[in-house]
Amino acid sequence: MLLTRPSVRFLSPFSVRIRWNSTSAVQWFYATDIPDSKPPEFNYTQSVRPKEFLPFAKFDSQNLEKTYQKLIEGDDVSEELLVQVNEDNLFECDLREFVMRPTYWSGAVYEIRRGLWFHENLPLPGPISDQLEQIFLHSPEVQSKKPIMKELTDEIEYLKTATVACYSPSVPDKDLSVQQVAVFAGKSVYLYGKGSKFVKLQMDLFADTTFVPPVGSKKVTRGYQGMPKGEAENKKGSDPSNPTQEESILDFVKTDWLGLDNSNEKFKAEVKGDYTNEPAKSENAGDREVDHLVFCVHGIGQSLGTKIDSVNFIHTCNNLRKGIKSVYQGNERLIKMAAMPNNNGDANNCKVQVLPIIWRYNVDFSTKRPFQGADEQRLPSLDDITVDNIRQLRSVLGDVVLDILLYYVPEYKTQILESVIEQSNSLYEKYLEKNPNFKGKVSLLGHSLGSAIFFDILASQPDKVENFDRRKHLAFDVENYFSCGSPVSVFKLLKKQNIASRSQVQVSDDSNVDLDPVQALKVNSYYNIFYSTDPVAYRCEPMMDLRMKDFSPQSISFATSGINSHIKSLTSMGDDLGEKLDTLFSGEKEHQQKNVNKKKVPEELRRKMLAINRNGRVDYVMPERLFELSLLSALGSHIQYFEDEDFAGFLLQELYKS
């Protein structure tokens, strides 16, 4: 049964106020398994209530309780009802609706609970918990040794007359959907459904004897006992063996095409970690110093996210954020670089924040929906012209390849560019609003087609402020532009365009930049990063000066360890890898020898390259990894960048240089 959400009610001066004692015993929680809602493009409707909850960090829980107390006292807290929580305040709790949502992007929304009464250490829903607390505080008879029964109003009826803000569910709690009876027996409290004749019979039979907890009832306790050791990590979903996007696409093929059972529980468990925090680390402080803000934009195939859980760019960016922290901690060189120029380093604070930008869902094109224009109703949908044979495969490929085609249709390209620009500007302004002390620099990171999107935006940025158009231009300066797995060069080659820096080429602000023979980027440093096996990636340096084709791309070093330790880590995968590992090892030797003997870029050419990158090089090749052992697995290299610690380490190094 679906329920209509009632409007949230706040205490008026004439309402009965519930004063809560022992608020130090209150611990706030958030759900991690079942979202309350998802963005519209997912067509999601909550069907069951969440069963898994995690506690907020002590600081966040105290802030929530402080605001809640003001609310029930009738204070004017209209501007405080959004309470910033978790790492870097990346999430906010809305005390008007009792939900937690991302602060800076559109994502899943989860229920929050004010934990005071618990069943098996999980917080009871607000309406049940509130009634138990009222009885406990204001009914002296329940403190006696004799069992006392009190009928509770069911959750839905309670919400109709509630005088305080609380969560309004879309579906009833299956376990508490019937009216509950609370049995107060000394320090213990038990709940059972009013209609349970079996429990009622037990209560009548043992009314005059020593109280025995009735079979079929639920014992509830007042106050949070803390999470058992080891359970927190399990609930965070920190399973190191979570599937990659490549594996999940294969899982999707197995499940939907071949009918095999595969629930992808490992990935779902890890996504829970995207909403968690580790309060022991200063990284999670909302006021930590951030010097570098990195906006990330996705490439092709993001619409698959409505079909395949692991095609989730928000989660991908969270992985990059975690990778950056992992590489930074304990790396003395990076810690020293982060401390410059004022020597104000912090071994726990990398001073970098990564935020995602999702554009695909804002493009007005659907594979199933026909065109809506009055003069376009003669046209079918893409689904209508899809050949029936291997339709599932065509559908997946259509969701991926279609994005490239859309970008080169002027109408949709304009939609994509305007969406990314609007989101980037809004994201920047919102970050400044939430972090007014931010004085750092902004960098852009584009993956695959996303690199082409950011490239075209930077090529169109005006030099003069008076030519600024909010719909077409970024409202902030860009320090670094990182592209990874980028096809930009082949796009520009097909249009017979070269690439340069803004200092090298005079750009007319009133010209059609898209037609210029040279694309000049308004950015201080441009980096083109790729795996040598990425079939989508191309070099950029020859597009800047043809002579650069004679020089190998710059190699990126391992961020954490050398090739030998990486090979040792693979030995657990079986003896059948021996020959491949030997091949990889010998290939690494040849690669290192090649780097030793490679030609040095002439000084005059290097000075030209310095105009577009502070290092004098733009093309950077990633260290080789296991997925390069076969051609099939090499295809997965295109989607591995954000999960590679070597990539994260390189980003940190170059951010700190600026």
Foldseek 3Di string as FASTA:
>chain_A
DFDDFDFFAFADPPDDFDDDPPLVLKWKKWAQAFFLDAPVLLVDHGDAAGDDIDTFPPVQRVLVSVLQNCRSVVHPCVVPQWGQGWFLSQWTAHLQAQWIAGDQDGGTIIHMATAFKDFPLHRDFPQVVVVVRCCVVPPVVLQDQQKDKDKGDQPVVCRVPDNHRGHGGRDGHPQRRATWIWIRHHQKIKIAHPPPVQQVVVCVVCNPHRDDRGPRITIMHGGGPDDPPPVVVQQLLPDVPQDAPVVQVVVLCCCVVVVDDDPSVSNSSNVSNLPGHDVVFPSRDNQDAAFEEEEEEEAAQLSCCSVTVNSDVQVLQSLLVVLLQVLQQPPVVLQCLQCPDVNPGDNRYLRYDYDYAYQPVQQPADQQDFDDDPVRPVDHHVLVPDDPPVSVVVVSVCRGVVRVVLCPPVVRVLSRLLSRLLSQQVSVVSVCVSHVPHPHAYAYEYAEVRLVSVLVQQLLADPDPVLDDSSRHHPHAHAEYEYELYLNQVVLVVLQAAEAACVVDPDDNPDDSVNDNYRHGRYQAAAYEYAPLAPSGDDRVCSHPVVCVLFDAAEQAASPDDPVVQLVVCPVVDPVCVVLSVVVVVVVVVVVVCVVPTDDDDPVQLVRQCRHHVRSGHYYHYDDHDLVSDSVSSNVRSRCQSNGSSNSSVVSVRSSVD
